[in-house]
Amino acid sequence: MSLFFGGAAAFVLLTVLGGLVRVARGPTSTDRMMTASLFASGGVAVLLLLGEVGPRHQLRDVALLVALLAALAAVVFATRRTR
């Protein structure tokens, strides 16, 4: 089962790296914020998968913290964008 979780984590990392193409193509601030959200959600997914593979269950707490910071960053971006 740990091989499955490791493979899933690698797949998520590859899709997040695909987001770098969007950074190169879309130079607006909205494109950059969407890519940052993609990196955050991909990072949360990878942390949760790695937390299941190994004995490091603290990665779940780190994933929760990253998710909360990503949501806060999206709210700040939206409020500054509407002004």
PDB file of N, CA and C in Angstrom:
ATOM      1  N   MET A   1       0.811  -1.187   0.000  1.00  0.00           N
ATOM      2  CA  MET A   1       0.000   0.000   0.000  1.00  0.00           C
ATOM      3  C   MET A   1       0.860   1.260   0.000  1.00  0.00           C
ATOM      4  N   SER A   2       2.040   1.180   0.617  1.00  0.00           N
ATOM      5  CA  SER A   2       2.903   2.364   0.642  1.00  0.00           C
ATOM      6  C   SER A   2       3.434   2.682  -0.756  1.00  0.00           C
ATOM      7  N   LEU A   3       3.568   1.674  -1.600  1.00  0.00           N
ATOM      8  CA  LEU A   3       3.981   1.917  -2.982  1.00  0.00           C
ATOM      9  C   LEU A   3       2.909   2.713  -3.725  1.00  0.00           C
ATOM     10  N   PHE A   4       1.647   2.402  -3.462  1.00  0.00           N
ATOM     11  CA  PHE A   4       0.548   3.140  -4.079  1.00  0.00           C
ATOM     12  C   PHE A   4       0.561   4.598  -3.646  1.00  0.00           C
ATOM     13  N   PHE A   5       0.714   4.849  -2.340  1.00  0.00           N
ATOM     14  CA  PHE A   5       0.737   6.218  -1.835  1.00  0.00           C
ATOM     15  C   PHE A   5       1.943   6.980  -2.362  1.00  0.00           C
ATOM     16  N   GLY A   6       3.080   6.310  -2.462  1.00  0.00           N
ATOM     17  CA  GLY A   6       4.273   6.954  -3.011  1.00  0.00           C
ATOM     18  C   GLY A   6       4.092   7.303  -4.481  1.00  0.00           C
ATOM     19  N   GLY A   7       3.482   6.404  -5.228  1.00  0.00           N
ATOM     20  CA  GLY A   7       3.207   6.684  -6.638  1.00  0.00           C
ATOM     21  C   GLY A   7       2.201   7.809  -6.815  1.00  0.00           C
ATOM     22  N   ALA A   8       1.200   7.842  -5.942  1.00  0.00           N
ATOM     23  CA  ALA A   8       0.211   8.916  -6.006  1.00  0.00           C
ATOM     24  C   ALA A   8       0.853  10.256  -5.673  1.00  0.00           C
ATOM     25  N   ALA A   9       1.754  10.272  -4.702  1.00  0.00           N
ATOM     26  CA  ALA A   9       2.460  11.508  -4.362  1.00  0.00           C
ATOM     27  C   ALA A   9       3.324  11.980  -5.526  1.00  0.00           C
ATOM     28  N   ALA A  10       3.977  11.059  -6.192  1.00  0.00           N
ATOM     29  CA  ALA A  10       4.794  11.429  -7.353  1.00  0.00           C
ATOM     30  C   ALA A  10       3.919  11.973  -8.480  1.00  0.00           C
ATOM     31  N   PHE A  11       2.758  11.382  -8.689  1.00  0.00           N
ATOM     32  CA  PHE A  11       1.844  11.864  -9.717  1.00  0.00           C
ATOM     33  C   PHE A  11       1.347  13.272  -9.399  1.00  0.00           C
ATOM     34  N   VAL A  12       1.008  13.517  -8.152  1.00  0.00           N
ATOM     35  CA  VAL A  12       0.557  14.858  -7.753  1.00  0.00           C
ATOM     36  C   VAL A  12       1.677  15.873  -7.956  1.00  0.00           C
ATOM     37  N   LEU A  13       2.901  15.495  -7.624  1.00  0.00           N
ATOM     38  CA  LEU A  13       4.025  16.410  -7.848  1.00  0.00           C
ATOM     39  C   LEU A  13       4.210  16.717  -9.328  1.00  0.00           C
ATOM     40  N   LEU A  14       4.020  15.729 -10.184  1.00  0.00           N
ATOM     41  CA  LEU A  14       4.135  15.972 -11.627  1.00  0.00           C
ATOM     42  C   LEU A  14       3.051  16.917 -12.123  1.00  0.00           C
ATOM     43  N   THR A  15       1.838  16.785 -11.614  1.00  0.00           N
ATOM     44  CA  THR A  15       0.781  17.695 -12.042  1.00  0.00           C
ATOM     45  C   THR A  15       1.015  19.101 -11.526  1.00  0.00           C
ATOM     46  N   VAL A  16       1.585  19.218 -10.339  1.00  0.00           N
ATOM     47  CA  VAL A  16       1.907  20.547  -9.815  1.00  0.00           C
ATOM     48  C   VAL A  16       3.009  21.185 -10.655  1.00  0.00           C
ATOM     49  N   LEU A  17       3.964  20.398 -11.068  1.00  0.00           N
ATOM     50  CA  LEU A  17       5.006  20.932 -11.937  1.00  0.00           C
ATOM     51  C   LEU A  17       4.438  21.375 -13.285  1.00  0.00           C
ATOM     52  N   GLY A  18       3.361  20.746 -13.701  1.00  0.00           N
ATOM     53  CA  GLY A  18       2.684  21.186 -14.908  1.00  0.00           C
ATOM     54  C   GLY A  18       2.113  22.591 -14.760  1.00  0.00           C
ATOM     55  N   GLY A  19       1.845  22.997 -13.528  1.00  0.00           N
ATOM     56  CA  GLY A  19       1.385  24.357 -13.266  1.00  0.00           C
ATOM     57  C   GLY A  19       2.422  25.407 -13.577  1.00  0.00           C
ATOM     58  N   LEU A  20       3.670  25.010 -13.614  1.00  0.00           N
ATOM     59  CA  LEU A  20       4.722  25.965 -13.973  1.00  0.00           C
ATOM     60  C   LEU A  20       4.566  26.453 -15.405  1.00  0.00           C
ATOM     61  N   VAL A  21       3.968  25.633 -16.234  1.00  0.00           N
ATOM     62  CA  VAL A  21       3.706  26.055 -17.619  1.00  0.00           C
ATOM     63  C   VAL A  21       2.725  27.226 -17.611  1.00  0.00           C
ATOM     64  N   ARG A  22       1.750  27.161 -16.744  1.00  0.00           N
ATOM     65  CA  ARG A  22       0.771  28.248 -16.657  1.00  0.00           C
ATOM     66  C   ARG A  22       1.418  29.522 -16.136  1.00  0.00           C
ATOM     67  N   VAL A  23       2.368  29.409 -15.259  1.00  0.00           N
ATOM     68  CA  VAL A  23       3.079  30.593 -14.762  1.00  0.00           C
ATOM     69  C   VAL A  23       3.827  31.260 -15.907  1.00  0.00           C
ATOM     70  N   ALA A  24       4.427  30.458 -16.760  1.00  0.00           N
ATOM     71  CA  ALA A  24       5.183  31.011 -17.879  1.00  0.00           C
ATOM     72  C   ALA A  24       4.262  31.634 -18.926  1.00  0.00           C
ATOM     73  N   ARG A  25       3.064  31.103 -19.098  1.00  0.00           N
ATOM     74  CA  ARG A  25       2.161  31.596 -20.139  1.00  0.00           C
ATOM     75  C   ARG A  25       1.293  32.755 -19.674  1.00  0.00           C
ATOM     76  N   GLY A  26       0.934  32.793 -18.399  1.00  0.00           N
ATOM     77  CA  GLY A  26       0.018  33.825 -17.928  1.00  0.00           C
ATOM     78  C   GLY A  26       0.681  34.770 -16.948  1.00  0.00           C
ATOM     79  N   PRO A  27       1.095  35.919 -17.396  1.00  0.00           N
ATOM     80  CA  PRO A  27       1.838  36.811 -16.516  1.00  0.00           C
ATOM     81  C   PRO A  27       0.967  37.712 -15.629  1.00  0.00           C
ATOM     82  N   THR A  28      -0.354  37.548 -15.633  1.00  0.00           N
ATOM     83  CA  THR A  28      -1.186  38.419 -14.801  1.00  0.00           C
ATOM     84  C   THR A  28      -1.149  37.959 -13.347  1.00  0.00           C
ATOM     85  N   SER A  29      -1.572  38.852 -12.473  1.00  0.00           N
ATOM     86  CA  SER A  29      -1.542  38.515 -11.048  1.00  0.00           C
ATOM     87  C   SER A  29      -2.556  37.433 -10.708  1.00  0.00           C
ATOM     88  N   THR A  30      -3.658  37.381 -11.420  1.00  0.00           N
ATOM     89  CA  THR A  30      -4.644  36.325 -11.178  1.00  0.00           C
ATOM     90  C   THR A  30      -4.083  34.962 -11.547  1.00  0.00           C
ATOM     91  N   ASP A  31      -3.356  34.887 -12.647  1.00  0.00           N
ATOM     92  CA  ASP A  31      -2.727  33.621 -13.033  1.00  0.00           C
ATOM     93  C   ASP A  31      -1.713  33.165 -11.984  1.00  0.00           C
ATOM     94  N   ARG A  32      -0.965  34.102 -11.473  1.00  0.00           N
ATOM     95  CA  ARG A  32       0.021  33.749 -10.444  1.00  0.00           C
ATOM     96  C   ARG A  32      -0.657  33.280  -9.162  1.00  0.00           C
ATOM     97  N   MET A  33      -1.784  33.899  -8.792  1.00  0.00           N
ATOM     98  CA  MET A  33      -2.498  33.480  -7.582  1.00  0.00           C
ATOM     99  C   MET A  33      -3.119  32.103  -7.760  1.00  0.00           C
ATOM    100  N   MET A  34      -3.656  31.837  -8.929  1.00  0.00           N
ATOM    101  CA  MET A  34      -4.216  30.514  -9.178  1.00  0.00           C
ATOM    102  C   MET A  34      -3.132  29.439  -9.139  1.00  0.00           C
ATOM    103  N   THR A  35      -1.964  29.778  -9.641  1.00  0.00           N
ATOM    104  CA  THR A  35      -0.856  28.819  -9.591  1.00  0.00           C
ATOM    105  C   THR A  35      -0.393  28.603  -8.162  1.00  0.00           C
ATOM    106  N   ALA A  36      -0.381  29.658  -7.361  1.00  0.00           N
ATOM    107  CA  ALA A  36      -0.026  29.500  -5.949  1.00  0.00           C
ATOM    108  C   ALA A  36      -1.042  28.614  -5.237  1.00  0.00           C
ATOM    109  N   SER A  37      -2.312  28.743  -5.585  1.00  0.00           N
ATOM    110  CA  SER A  37      -3.334  27.869  -5.005  1.00  0.00           C
ATOM    111  C   SER A  37      -3.132  26.418  -5.445  1.00  0.00           C
ATOM    112  N   LEU A  38      -2.749  26.240  -6.707  1.00  0.00           N
ATOM    113  CA  LEU A  38      -2.456  24.892  -7.204  1.00  0.00           C
ATOM    114  C   LEU A  38      -1.282  24.282  -6.443  1.00  0.00           C
ATOM    115  N   PHE A  39      -0.237  25.055  -6.246  1.00  0.00           N
ATOM    116  CA  PHE A  39       0.919  24.558  -5.497  1.00  0.00           C
ATOM    117  C   PHE A  39       0.536  24.216  -4.057  1.00  0.00           C
ATOM    118  N   ALA A  40      -0.304  25.046  -3.451  1.00  0.00           N
ATOM    119  CA  ALA A  40      -0.704  24.787  -2.065  1.00  0.00           C
ATOM    120  C   ALA A  40      -1.546  23.522  -1.963  1.00  0.00           C
ATOM    121  N   SER A  41      -2.530  23.361  -2.853  1.00  0.00           N
ATOM    122  CA  SER A  41      -3.369  22.166  -2.772  1.00  0.00           C
ATOM    123  C   SER A  41      -2.577  20.907  -3.140  1.00  0.00           C
ATOM    124  N   GLY A  42      -1.678  21.039  -4.093  1.00  0.00           N
ATOM    125  CA  GLY A  42      -0.807  19.900  -4.411  1.00  0.00           C
ATOM    126  C   GLY A  42       0.121  19.565  -3.265  1.00  0.00           C
ATOM    127  N   GLY A  43       0.622  20.599  -2.615  1.00  0.00           N
ATOM    128  CA  GLY A  43       1.480  20.368  -1.449  1.00  0.00           C
ATOM    129  C   GLY A  43       0.739  19.696  -0.306  1.00  0.00           C
ATOM    130  N   VAL A  44      -0.502  20.101  -0.096  1.00  0.00           N
ATOM    131  CA  VAL A  44      -1.321  19.466   0.945  1.00  0.00           C
ATOM    132  C   VAL A  44      -1.540  17.994   0.602  1.00  0.00           C
ATOM    133  N   ALA A  45      -1.843  17.720  -0.660  1.00  0.00           N
ATOM    134  CA  ALA A  45      -2.061  16.330  -1.067  1.00  0.00           C
ATOM    135  C   ALA A  45      -0.804  15.487  -0.875  1.00  0.00           C
ATOM    136  N   VAL A  46       0.329  16.038  -1.262  1.00  0.00           N
ATOM    137  CA  VAL A  46       1.590  15.289  -1.114  1.00  0.00           C
ATOM    138  C   VAL A  46       1.908  15.072   0.359  1.00  0.00           C
ATOM    139  N   LEU A  47       1.710  16.086   1.187  1.00  0.00           N
ATOM    140  CA  LEU A  47       1.977  15.918   2.621  1.00  0.00           C
ATOM    141  C   LEU A  47       1.070  14.867   3.244  1.00  0.00           C
ATOM    142  N   LEU A  48      -0.197  14.856   2.857  1.00  0.00           N
ATOM    143  CA  LEU A  48      -1.099  13.842   3.400  1.00  0.00           C
ATOM    144  C   LEU A  48      -0.721  12.442   2.933  1.00  0.00           C
ATOM    145  N   LEU A  49      -0.337  12.317   1.664  1.00  0.00           N
ATOM    146  CA  LEU A  49       0.067  10.997   1.166  1.00  0.00           C
ATOM    147  C   LEU A  49       1.346  10.521   1.829  1.00  0.00           C
ATOM    148  N   LEU A  50       2.306  11.410   1.996  1.00  0.00           N
ATOM    149  CA  LEU A  50       3.551  11.012   2.660  1.00  0.00           C
ATOM    150  C   LEU A  50       3.343  10.727   4.143  1.00  0.00           C
ATOM    151  N   GLY A  51       2.378  11.414   4.747  1.00  0.00           N
ATOM    152  CA  GLY A  51       2.046  11.129   6.141  1.00  0.00           C
ATOM    153  C   GLY A  51       1.470   9.738   6.327  1.00  0.00           C
ATOM    154  N   GLU A  52       0.790   9.232   5.298  1.00  0.00           N
ATOM    155  CA  GLU A  52       0.248   7.875   5.363  1.00  0.00           C
ATOM    156  C   GLU A  52       1.307   6.821   5.086  1.00  0.00           C
ATOM    157  N   VAL A  53       2.311   7.172   4.286  1.00  0.00           N
ATOM    158  CA  VAL A  53       3.344   6.192   3.921  1.00  0.00           C
ATOM    159  C   VAL A  53       4.263   5.899   5.095  1.00  0.00           C
ATOM    160  N   GLY A  54       4.751   6.945   5.721  1.00  0.00           N
ATOM    161  CA  GLY A  54       5.757   6.765   6.756  1.00  0.00           C
ATOM    162  C   GLY A  54       5.195   6.918   8.151  1.00  0.00           C
ATOM    163  N   PRO A  55       6.088   6.844   9.110  1.00  0.00           N
ATOM    164  CA  PRO A  55       5.655   6.963  10.510  1.00  0.00           C
ATOM    165  C   PRO A  55       5.486   8.417  10.965  1.00  0.00           C
ATOM    166  N   ARG A  56       5.623   9.369  10.047  1.00  0.00           N
ATOM    167  CA  ARG A  56       5.545  10.786  10.418  1.00  0.00           C
ATOM    168  C   ARG A  56       4.102  11.276  10.306  1.00  0.00           C
ATOM    169  N   HIS A  57       3.353  11.128  11.370  1.00  0.00           N
ATOM    170  CA  HIS A  57       1.966  11.569  11.349  1.00  0.00           C
ATOM    171  C   HIS A  57       1.850  13.074  11.596  1.00  0.00           C
ATOM    172  N   GLN A  58       2.969  13.740  11.907  1.00  0.00           N
ATOM    173  CA  GLN A  58       2.957  15.186  12.075  1.00  0.00           C
ATOM    174  C   GLN A  58       2.731  15.892  10.740  1.00  0.00           C
ATOM    175  N   LEU A  59       2.953  15.205   9.643  1.00  0.00           N
ATOM    176  CA  LEU A  59       2.741  15.808   8.329  1.00  0.00           C
ATOM    177  C   LEU A  59       1.280  16.175   8.114  1.00  0.00           C
ATOM    178  N   ARG A  60       0.369  15.502   8.800  1.00  0.00           N
ATOM    179  CA  ARG A  60      -1.046  15.871   8.715  1.00  0.00           C
ATOM    180  C   ARG A  60      -1.265  17.261   9.276  1.00  0.00           C
ATOM    181  N   ASP A  61      -0.608  17.567  10.382  1.00  0.00           N
ATOM    182  CA  ASP A  61      -0.727  18.896  10.974  1.00  0.00           C
ATOM    183  C   ASP A  61      -0.129  19.964  10.062  1.00  0.00           C
ATOM    184  N   VAL A  62       0.993  19.639   9.439  1.00  0.00           N
ATOM    185  CA  VAL A  62       1.617  20.577   8.513  1.00  0.00           C
ATOM    186  C   VAL A  62       0.720  20.799   7.299  1.00  0.00           C
ATOM    187  N   ALA A  63       0.080  19.745   6.819  1.00  0.00           N
ATOM    188  CA  ALA A  63      -0.835  19.870   5.683  1.00  0.00           C
ATOM    189  C   ALA A  63      -2.020  20.758   6.043  1.00  0.00           C
ATOM    190  N   LEU A  64      -2.529  20.625   7.246  1.00  0.00           N
ATOM    191  CA  LEU A  64      -3.630  21.477   7.689  1.00  0.00           C
ATOM    192  C   LEU A  64      -3.194  22.933   7.750  1.00  0.00           C
ATOM    193  N   LEU A  65      -2.005  23.178   8.232  1.00  0.00           N
ATOM    194  CA  LEU A  65      -1.478  24.535   8.303  1.00  0.00           C
ATOM    195  C   LEU A  65      -1.299  25.136   6.910  1.00  0.00           C
ATOM    196  N   VAL A  66      -0.784  24.358   5.975  1.00  0.00           N
ATOM    197  CA  VAL A  66      -0.611  24.845   4.605  1.00  0.00           C
ATOM    198  C   VAL A  66      -1.969  25.157   3.978  1.00  0.00           C
ATOM    199  N   ALA A  67      -2.960  24.317   4.229  1.00  0.00           N
ATOM    200  CA  ALA A  67      -4.296  24.563   3.681  1.00  0.00           C
ATOM    201  C   ALA A  67      -4.903  25.841   4.250  1.00  0.00           C
ATOM    202  N   LEU A  68      -4.724  26.071   5.543  1.00  0.00           N
ATOM    203  CA  LEU A  68      -5.248  27.288   6.149  1.00  0.00           C
ATOM    204  C   LEU A  68      -4.545  28.532   5.615  1.00  0.00           C
ATOM    205  N   LEU A  69      -3.239  28.457   5.441  1.00  0.00           N
ATOM    206  CA  LEU A  69      -2.499  29.601   4.897  1.00  0.00           C
ATOM    207  C   LEU A  69      -2.874  29.873   3.446  1.00  0.00           C
ATOM    208  N   ALA A  70      -3.136  28.825   2.679  1.00  0.00           N
ATOM    209  CA  ALA A  70      -3.547  29.012   1.286  1.00  0.00           C
ATOM    210  C   ALA A  70      -4.915  29.676   1.216  1.00  0.00           C
ATOM    211  N   ALA A  71      -5.820  29.271   2.081  1.00  0.00           N
ATOM    212  CA  ALA A  71      -7.140  29.897   2.094  1.00  0.00           C
ATOM    213  C   ALA A  71      -7.041  31.360   2.509  1.00  0.00           C
ATOM    214  N   LEU A  72      -6.215  31.648   3.479  1.00  0.00           N
ATOM    215  CA  LEU A  72      -6.014  33.025   3.911  1.00  0.00           C
ATOM    216  C   LEU A  72      -5.402  33.868   2.794  1.00  0.00           C
ATOM    217  N   ALA A  73      -4.453  33.315   2.076  1.00  0.00           N
ATOM    218  CA  ALA A  73      -3.836  34.044   0.965  1.00  0.00           C
ATOM    219  C   ALA A  73      -4.850  34.327  -0.134  1.00  0.00           C
ATOM    220  N   ALA A  74      -5.740  33.389  -0.402  1.00  0.00           N
ATOM    221  CA  ALA A  74      -6.764  33.605  -1.424  1.00  0.00           C
ATOM    222  C   ALA A  74      -7.733  34.701  -1.000  1.00  0.00           C
ATOM    223  N   VAL A  75      -8.089  34.744   0.263  1.00  0.00           N
ATOM    224  CA  VAL A  75      -8.990  35.789   0.757  1.00  0.00           C
ATOM    225  C   VAL A  75      -8.320  37.151   0.675  1.00  0.00           C
ATOM    226  N   VAL A  76      -7.075  37.229   1.072  1.00  0.00           N
ATOM    227  CA  VAL A  76      -6.342  38.501   0.991  1.00  0.00           C
ATOM    228  C   VAL A  76      -6.226  38.955  -0.449  1.00  0.00           C
ATOM    229  N   PHE A  77      -5.933  38.043  -1.347  1.00  0.00           N
ATOM    230  CA  PHE A  77      -5.826  38.407  -2.758  1.00  0.00           C
ATOM    231  C   PHE A  77      -7.160  38.926  -3.285  1.00  0.00           C
ATOM    232  N   ALA A  78      -8.240  38.267  -2.934  1.00  0.00           N
ATOM    233  CA  ALA A  78      -9.556  38.675  -3.429  1.00  0.00           C
ATOM    234  C   ALA A  78      -9.950  40.046  -2.884  1.00  0.00           C
ATOM    235  N   THR A  79      -9.652  40.309  -1.628  1.00  0.00           N
ATOM    236  CA  THR A  79     -10.030  41.611  -1.067  1.00  0.00           C
ATOM    237  C   THR A  79      -9.181  42.728  -1.645  1.00  0.00           C
ATOM    238  N   ARG A  80      -7.926  42.475  -1.892  1.00  0.00           N
ATOM    239  CA  ARG A  80      -7.073  43.506  -2.503  1.00  0.00           C
ATOM    240  C   ARG A  80      -7.412  43.710  -3.972  1.00  0.00           C
ATOM    241  N   ARG A  81      -7.863  42.654  -4.630  1.00  0.00           N
ATOM    242  CA  ARG A  81      -8.201  42.743  -6.049  1.00  0.00           C
ATOM    243  C   ARG A  81      -9.468  43.555  -6.270  1.00  0.00           C
ATOM    244  N   THR A  82     -10.420  43.493  -5.340  1.00  0.00           N
ATOM    245  CA  THR A  82     -11.674  44.209  -5.512  1.00  0.00           C
ATOM    246  C   THR A  82     -11.562  45.688  -5.162  1.00  0.00           C
ATOM    247  N   ARG A  83     -10.531  46.121  -4.508  1.00  0.00           N
ATOM    248  CA  ARG A  83     -10.376  47.529  -4.145  1.00  0.00           C
ATOM    249  C   ARG A  83      -9.973  48.377  -5.293  1.00  0.00           C
TER     250      ARG A  83
END
